[in-house]
Protein backbone atom coordinates (compact mmCIF):
# COMPACT_ATOMS: atom_id res chain seq x y z
CA MET A 1 -9.27 5.24 -20.44
CA SER A 2 -10.46 3.52 -17.29
CA LEU A 3 -10.98 0.18 -15.59
CA SER A 4 -14.33 -0.74 -14.07
CA ILE A 5 -14.79 -3.68 -11.71
CA SER A 6 -18.53 -4.17 -11.17
CA ASP A 7 -19.93 -6.47 -8.47
CA VAL A 8 -17.27 -9.10 -9.19
CA THR A 9 -17.37 -12.45 -7.43
CA VAL A 10 -14.82 -15.26 -7.84
CA ARG A 11 -15.65 -18.59 -6.23
CA TYR A 12 -13.63 -21.69 -5.54
CA GLY A 13 -16.34 -24.25 -4.89
CA ASP A 14 -18.53 -22.84 -2.14
CA THR A 15 -15.93 -20.28 -1.04
CA ALA A 16 -16.10 -16.72 -2.36
CA ALA A 17 -12.47 -15.59 -2.64
CA VAL A 18 -13.72 -12.29 -4.08
CA ASP A 19 -17.18 -11.32 -2.88
CA HIS A 20 -19.17 -8.66 -4.79
CA VAL A 21 -16.29 -6.22 -5.28
CA SER A 22 -16.79 -2.96 -7.19
CA LEU A 23 -13.93 -0.55 -7.95
CA ASP A 24 -13.07 2.02 -10.60
CA LEU A 25 -9.65 3.12 -11.77
CA ALA A 26 -9.15 6.27 -13.84
CA ALA A 27 -6.49 6.81 -16.50
CA GLY A 28 -3.06 7.58 -15.02
CA GLU A 29 -4.17 6.61 -11.52
CA VAL A 30 -2.55 4.11 -9.17
CA LEU A 31 -5.01 2.17 -7.01
CA ALA A 32 -3.72 -0.05 -4.19
CA VAL A 33 -5.78 -2.95 -2.89
CA LEU A 34 -4.54 -3.51 0.65
CA GLY A 35 -5.32 -6.52 2.77
CA PRO A 36 -3.92 -9.46 4.74
CA SER A 37 -2.86 -12.74 3.17
CA GLY A 38 -5.85 -14.75 1.99
CA CYS A 39 -8.21 -11.78 1.73
CA GLY A 40 -8.71 -12.25 -2.03
CA LYS A 41 -6.64 -9.36 -3.35
CA SER A 42 -4.37 -11.44 -5.59
CA THR A 43 -7.38 -13.38 -6.87
CA LEU A 44 -8.98 -10.06 -7.80
CA LEU A 45 -5.81 -9.02 -9.65
CA ARG A 46 -5.75 -12.32 -11.55
CA ALA A 47 -9.42 -11.87 -12.44
CA VAL A 48 -8.66 -8.44 -13.91
CA ALA A 49 -5.83 -10.04 -15.90
CA GLY A 50 -8.20 -12.70 -17.22
CA LEU A 51 -6.46 -15.52 -15.36
CA GLU A 52 -9.44 -16.30 -13.09
CA PRO A 53 -13.00 -16.81 -14.38
CA LEU A 54 -15.70 -14.65 -12.83
CA SER A 55 -18.58 -16.29 -10.99
CA ALA A 56 -20.56 -13.05 -11.20
CA GLY A 57 -20.12 -9.41 -12.15
CA ALA A 58 -18.12 -7.80 -14.93
CA ILE A 59 -14.76 -6.21 -15.66
CA ALA A 60 -14.65 -3.53 -18.34
CA TRP A 61 -12.11 -1.24 -19.95
CA ASP A 62 -13.43 2.04 -21.26
CA GLY A 63 -16.94 0.62 -21.08
CA THR A 64 -16.10 -2.52 -23.08
CA ASP A 65 -16.78 -5.77 -21.23
CA LEU A 66 -13.64 -7.91 -21.10
CA GLY A 67 -15.51 -11.13 -20.33
CA GLY A 68 -14.70 -12.68 -23.70
CA THR A 69 -11.23 -11.18 -24.04
CA PRO A 70 -8.29 -13.55 -23.33
CA THR A 71 -5.40 -12.41 -21.17
CA HIS A 72 -2.97 -11.74 -24.02
CA LYS A 73 -5.44 -9.47 -25.81
CA ARG A 74 -6.38 -7.25 -22.86
CA GLY A 75 -3.40 -4.97 -23.26
CA PHE A 76 -2.46 -5.36 -19.60
CA ALA A 77 0.97 -6.18 -18.13
CA LEU A 78 1.71 -8.07 -14.93
CA MET A 79 4.61 -7.63 -12.52
CA PHE A 80 5.09 -10.11 -9.68
CA GLN A 81 6.98 -9.93 -6.41
CA ASP A 82 9.91 -12.00 -7.70
CA GLY A 83 10.12 -10.25 -11.08
CA GLN A 84 10.13 -13.58 -12.96
CA LEU A 85 13.00 -12.54 -15.21
CA PHE A 86 14.53 -14.98 -17.68
CA SER A 87 17.80 -15.91 -15.98
CA HIS A 88 19.58 -16.80 -19.25
CA LEU A 89 18.76 -13.49 -20.94
CA THR A 90 20.59 -10.20 -20.43
CA VAL A 91 18.83 -7.20 -18.95
CA ALA A 92 18.33 -5.71 -22.40
CA ARG A 93 16.89 -8.93 -23.80
CA ASN A 94 14.55 -9.31 -20.83
CA VAL A 95 13.21 -5.80 -21.39
CA ALA A 96 12.94 -6.41 -25.14
CA TYR A 97 11.23 -9.80 -24.85
CA ALA A 98 7.62 -8.74 -25.50
CA LEU A 99 8.70 -6.28 -28.17
CA ARG A 100 10.47 -9.05 -30.09
CA LEU A 101 7.42 -11.31 -29.78
CA ARG A 102 5.48 -8.55 -31.51
CA ARG A 103 8.10 -8.40 -34.27
CA THR A 104 8.92 -4.81 -33.46
CA PRO A 105 11.67 -3.45 -35.77
CA SER A 106 15.14 -3.87 -34.27
CA ALA A 107 15.91 -0.15 -34.28
CA ARG A 108 12.73 0.58 -32.34
CA VAL A 109 13.50 -2.25 -29.88
CA ALA A 110 16.96 -0.85 -29.20
CA SER A 111 15.71 2.70 -28.67
CA ARG A 112 12.84 1.57 -26.46
CA VAL A 113 15.17 -0.53 -24.29
CA ARG A 114 17.53 2.43 -23.86
CA GLU A 115 14.61 4.68 -22.98
CA LEU A 116 13.22 2.26 -20.39
CA LEU A 117 16.55 1.48 -18.73
CA ALA A 118 17.11 5.21 -18.36
CA LEU A 119 13.62 5.58 -16.90
CA VAL A 120 14.23 2.92 -14.22
CA GLY A 121 17.76 4.11 -13.45
CA LEU A 122 19.65 1.19 -15.02
CA GLU A 123 21.58 2.83 -17.85
CA GLY A 124 24.62 0.72 -18.73
CA TYR A 125 23.08 -2.51 -17.40
CA ASP A 126 22.17 -3.82 -20.88
CA ASP A 127 24.53 -6.81 -20.88
CA ARG A 128 24.17 -7.83 -17.23
CA LEU A 129 22.47 -11.11 -16.35
CA PRO A 130 19.71 -11.19 -13.68
CA GLY A 131 21.87 -13.31 -11.39
CA THR A 132 24.36 -10.45 -11.04
CA LEU A 133 21.73 -7.92 -9.95
CA SER A 134 20.43 -6.97 -6.52
CA GLY A 135 16.79 -7.59 -5.64
CA GLY A 136 15.91 -3.96 -6.23
CA GLU A 137 17.68 -3.93 -9.60
CA ARG A 138 15.82 -7.06 -10.70
CA GLN A 139 12.50 -5.41 -9.84
CA ARG A 140 13.49 -2.35 -11.87
CA VAL A 141 14.19 -4.61 -14.85
CA ALA A 142 10.84 -6.34 -14.34
CA LEU A 143 9.08 -2.97 -14.32
CA ALA A 144 10.90 -1.86 -17.47
CA ARG A 145 9.86 -5.11 -19.17
CA ALA A 146 6.25 -4.61 -18.10
CA LEU A 147 6.25 -1.05 -19.48
CA ALA A 148 7.97 -1.98 -22.75
CA VAL A 149 4.80 -2.53 -24.79
CA GLU A 150 3.08 0.54 -23.30
CA PRO A 151 0.29 -1.42 -21.58
CA ARG A 152 -3.09 0.15 -20.97
CA LEU A 153 -2.85 -1.07 -17.38
CA ILE A 154 -0.06 -2.54 -15.29
CA LEU A 155 -0.96 -5.03 -12.56
CA LEU A 156 1.49 -5.15 -9.64
CA ASP A 157 1.30 -8.17 -7.34
CA GLU A 158 3.23 -7.45 -4.10
CA PRO A 159 6.08 -5.93 -6.17
CA LEU A 160 8.31 -5.06 -3.21
CA SER A 161 7.51 -7.73 -0.64
CA ALA A 162 10.60 -9.84 -1.39
CA LEU A 163 12.95 -6.93 -0.59
CA ASP A 164 14.41 -5.89 2.77
CA ALA A 165 12.75 -2.98 4.56
CA THR A 166 15.35 -0.32 3.69
CA LEU A 167 15.42 -1.21 0.00
CA ARG A 168 11.64 -1.54 -0.09
CA GLU A 169 11.18 2.00 1.21
CA ARG A 170 13.65 3.49 -1.25
CA LEU A 171 12.34 1.57 -4.27
CA ALA A 172 8.71 2.42 -3.45
CA GLY A 173 9.43 6.10 -3.98
CA ASP A 174 11.31 5.35 -7.18
CA LEU A 175 8.50 3.17 -8.54
CA ARG A 176 6.00 5.93 -7.85
CA SER A 177 8.12 8.41 -9.80
CA ILE A 178 8.58 5.96 -12.67
CA LEU A 179 4.86 5.25 -12.96
CA GLN A 180 4.11 8.97 -12.92
CA ALA A 181 6.77 9.71 -15.53
CA ALA A 182 5.37 6.98 -17.79
CA GLY A 183 1.78 8.14 -17.24
CA THR A 184 0.88 4.55 -16.42
CA THR A 185 -2.42 3.38 -14.97
CA ALA A 186 -1.71 0.75 -12.32
CA LEU A 187 -3.53 -1.63 -9.98
CA LEU A 188 -1.39 -2.72 -7.04
CA VAL A 189 -2.12 -5.41 -4.48
CA THR A 190 -0.14 -5.52 -1.24
CA HIS A 191 -0.33 -6.45 2.43
CA ASP A 192 2.00 -3.57 3.38
CA HIS A 193 0.25 -0.29 4.20
CA GLU A 194 3.50 1.68 3.89
CA GLU A 195 3.97 0.35 0.36
CA ALA A 196 0.38 1.25 -0.51
CA PHE A 197 0.76 4.78 0.88
CA ALA A 198 4.03 5.32 -1.01
CA LEU A 199 2.81 4.11 -4.40
CA ALA A 200 -0.91 4.78 -4.71
CA ASP A 201 -3.30 7.68 -5.27
CA ARG A 202 -6.26 5.76 -3.88
CA LEU A 203 -6.66 2.85 -1.52
CA ALA A 204 -9.14 -0.01 -1.23
CA VAL A 205 -8.97 -2.06 1.97
CA MET A 206 -10.00 -5.67 1.44
CA ARG A 207 -10.96 -8.23 4.06
CA ALA A 208 -12.48 -11.71 3.67
CA GLY A 209 -13.12 -11.18 -0.03
CA ARG A 210 -14.86 -7.81 0.34
CA VAL A 211 -13.76 -4.20 -0.01
CA VAL A 212 -14.57 -2.67 3.38
CA GLN A 213 -13.35 0.84 2.58
CA ALA A 214 -12.12 2.74 -0.47
CA GLY A 215 -11.07 6.31 -1.13
CA ALA A 216 -8.16 8.71 -1.44
CA ILE A 217 -5.15 7.68 0.66
CA ASP A 218 -5.55 10.62 3.04
CA GLU A 219 -9.30 10.03 3.46
CA VAL A 220 -8.89 6.37 4.37
CA TRP A 221 -5.92 7.11 6.62
CA ARG A 222 -7.69 9.83 8.60
CA ALA A 223 -11.05 8.09 8.87
CA PRO A 224 -10.73 4.29 9.08
CA VAL A 225 -14.13 2.67 8.75
CA ASP A 226 -13.65 0.37 11.75
CA GLU A 227 -11.21 -0.80 14.39
CA GLU A 228 -9.81 -3.73 12.40
CA THR A 229 -9.11 -1.47 9.44
CA ALA A 230 -7.39 1.08 11.67
CA LEU A 231 -5.06 -1.53 13.12
CA PHE A 232 -4.26 -2.90 9.67
CA LEU A 233 -3.46 0.61 8.44
CA GLY A 234 -0.78 0.89 11.10
CA TYR A 235 -2.54 2.46 14.07
CA ALA A 236 -0.96 0.91 17.15
CA ARG A 237 -3.59 1.24 19.88
CA ILE A 238 -7.34 1.74 20.27
CA VAL A 239 -8.68 3.62 23.31
CA ARG A 240 -12.36 3.78 24.18
CA GLU A 241 -14.97 5.48 26.34
CA ASP A 242 -13.47 7.68 29.09
CA ALA A 243 -9.91 7.10 27.84
CA ALA A 244 -10.89 8.19 24.33
CA ALA A 245 -12.66 11.27 25.70
CA ARG A 246 -9.52 12.17 27.66
CA VAL A 247 -7.32 11.92 24.55
CA LEU A 248 -9.76 13.92 22.42
CA ALA A 249 -9.95 16.62 25.09
CA ALA A 250 -6.16 16.82 25.26
CA ALA A 251 -6.09 17.16 21.47
CA GLY A 252 -8.69 19.94 21.55
CA MET A 253 -11.06 17.77 19.54
CA ALA A 254 -13.68 16.83 22.12
CA SER A 255 -16.40 18.95 20.54
CA SER A 256 -15.79 17.42 17.10
CA TYR A 257 -16.84 13.88 18.01
CA PRO A 258 -19.83 12.37 19.81
CA SER A 259 -19.52 10.90 23.25
CA GLY A 260 -18.53 7.24 23.07
CA ALA A 261 -16.27 7.47 20.02
CA ALA A 262 -13.20 5.22 20.04
CA VAL A 263 -9.83 6.67 19.10
CA ALA A 264 -7.09 4.94 17.11
CA LEU A 265 -3.56 6.08 17.95
CA ARG A 266 -0.40 5.80 15.89
CA ARG A 267 2.72 4.83 17.79
CA SER A 268 3.87 8.46 17.58
CA ALA A 269 0.52 10.12 18.38
CA LEU A 270 1.64 11.00 21.93
CA VAL A 271 4.86 13.00 22.21
CA VAL A 272 6.85 13.85 25.32
CA ASP A 273 6.45 17.60 25.85
CA PRO A 274 6.73 19.53 29.14
CA ASP A 275 3.71 21.59 28.08
CA GLY A 276 1.57 18.54 27.32
CA SER A 277 -1.77 18.11 29.08
CA LEU A 278 -1.59 14.33 29.54
CA HIS A 279 0.56 12.94 32.35
CA GLY A 280 1.85 9.49 33.09
CA ARG A 281 4.68 7.22 34.18
CA VAL A 282 7.12 5.61 31.73
CA GLU A 283 6.85 1.81 31.75
CA SER A 284 9.50 1.09 29.11
CA ALA A 285 11.87 2.98 26.81
CA ARG A 286 13.68 1.84 23.66
CA VAL A 287 16.02 3.89 21.47
CA THR A 288 15.56 3.60 17.68
CA PRO A 289 17.43 5.44 14.89
CA GLU A 290 14.60 8.01 14.63
CA GLN A 291 13.31 8.47 18.18
CA VAL A 292 12.92 7.03 21.66
CA ARG A 293 9.88 4.76 21.77
CA LEU A 294 8.03 4.56 25.05
CA VAL A 295 5.17 2.81 26.71
CA VAL A 296 3.57 5.18 29.20
CA SER A 297 0.84 4.55 31.76
CA VAL A 298 -1.27 7.68 31.32
CA ASP A 299 -3.69 8.91 33.97
CA SER A 300 -7.30 8.04 33.05
CA VAL A 301 -6.16 6.48 29.75
CA GLY A 302 -4.02 3.42 30.51
CA SER A 303 -0.87 2.08 28.86
CA VAL A 304 -0.21 3.69 25.49
CA ASP A 305 2.68 4.12 23.06
CA ALA A 306 4.51 7.45 22.99
CA VAL A 307 7.72 8.90 21.57
CA ALA A 308 10.45 11.29 22.65
CA PRO A 309 13.14 12.99 20.53
CA LEU A 310 16.50 11.26 20.17
CA GLY A 311 18.79 12.24 23.01
CA SER A 312 15.95 12.53 25.49
CA ARG A 313 16.85 11.25 28.94
CA VAL A 314 13.75 9.18 29.63
CA SER A 315 13.81 6.04 31.74
CA PRO A 316 11.24 3.63 33.16
CA GLY A 317 9.64 5.13 36.24
CA ASP A 318 9.99 8.74 35.08
CA GLU A 319 6.96 11.02 35.17
CA VAL A 320 6.34 12.67 31.79
CA ALA A 321 3.91 15.09 30.18
CA LEU A 322 2.57 14.28 26.73
CA ARG A 323 0.98 16.31 23.97
CA VAL A 324 -1.26 14.83 21.29
CA ASP A 325 -0.23 15.04 17.63
CA VAL A 326 -3.66 15.37 16.01
CA THR A 327 -2.31 14.19 12.64
CA ARG A 328 -1.49 10.80 14.18
CA LEU A 329 -4.90 9.80 15.53
CA ALA A 330 -8.30 8.92 14.11
CA ALA A 331 -11.70 8.87 15.79
CA LEU A 332 -13.61 5.76 14.73
CA PRO A 333 -17.31 5.72 13.82
CA ILE A 334 -19.55 5.60 16.87
CA ALA A 335 -20.89 2.17 15.93
CA GLN A 336 -17.37 0.79 16.44
CA ALA A 337 -16.93 2.18 19.95
CA THR A 338 -17.94 -0.97 21.77
């Protein structure tokens, strides 16, 4: 079973919120649509759900056009960032809601609720009310409810954005495991690249209504299509021309890229190492729980981010040598090196 989005456009008056988007999603796959606020990703999700009319193009499931199929007959489930649980219903009754609407036998409802609460790690929460749960627990209940009727596709709209960073990171890994265990096909929209990387198999980057790049997570991460995409994916700095050539040479990659290529650097792409071939002066240093984050003025490169291991005695004004972590940089297409 698969979802096909073919040349879809959604217009609001003269504005194309979704502009000729084409994507495919295979059975059991999780596809993340990543983009900034207002890029059209949530509109695309709503169009797939049948909540937004198409101005052009088609959406199909297993080759069957869904154009005439209302939302409630598509066999899809939606999960929003706030969960949208019924506050007056217990956890068990929230999870069972769609099953009861379908007049599922009571014994089957009870067994399915137990099964789903175990799946999302909430055994024993049956009689709790949503108001007594943490944000992460409420999202687990919302996911269990979405999975209750075994949807063909689950649509996730910024499912973790309302949570704090620590909880978001932990729950992202749990959600990934839950979706895999359930064998669920899912379409996720998010503005958070870390969330997309943690949950998805493939990634589509969306900007101004269009998909500018799509592919496997690793492919998109290692080869951003342009500078704006690289920065949105979490690369911290772009270096160009002679500075880029210097970094590529230090990484032993100079022969792999044409002259003039720009290089996108993650914050941790340059690491303090006495054997490193780049040299510079520390401009600032800040200790974090994982590492010491630096800004270093590097000879023939300029000011760039770098890191040192925790416990390193590095202060502004110190001279340091840096090595390049080749897994934390990306050379951009030559057309972007301007």
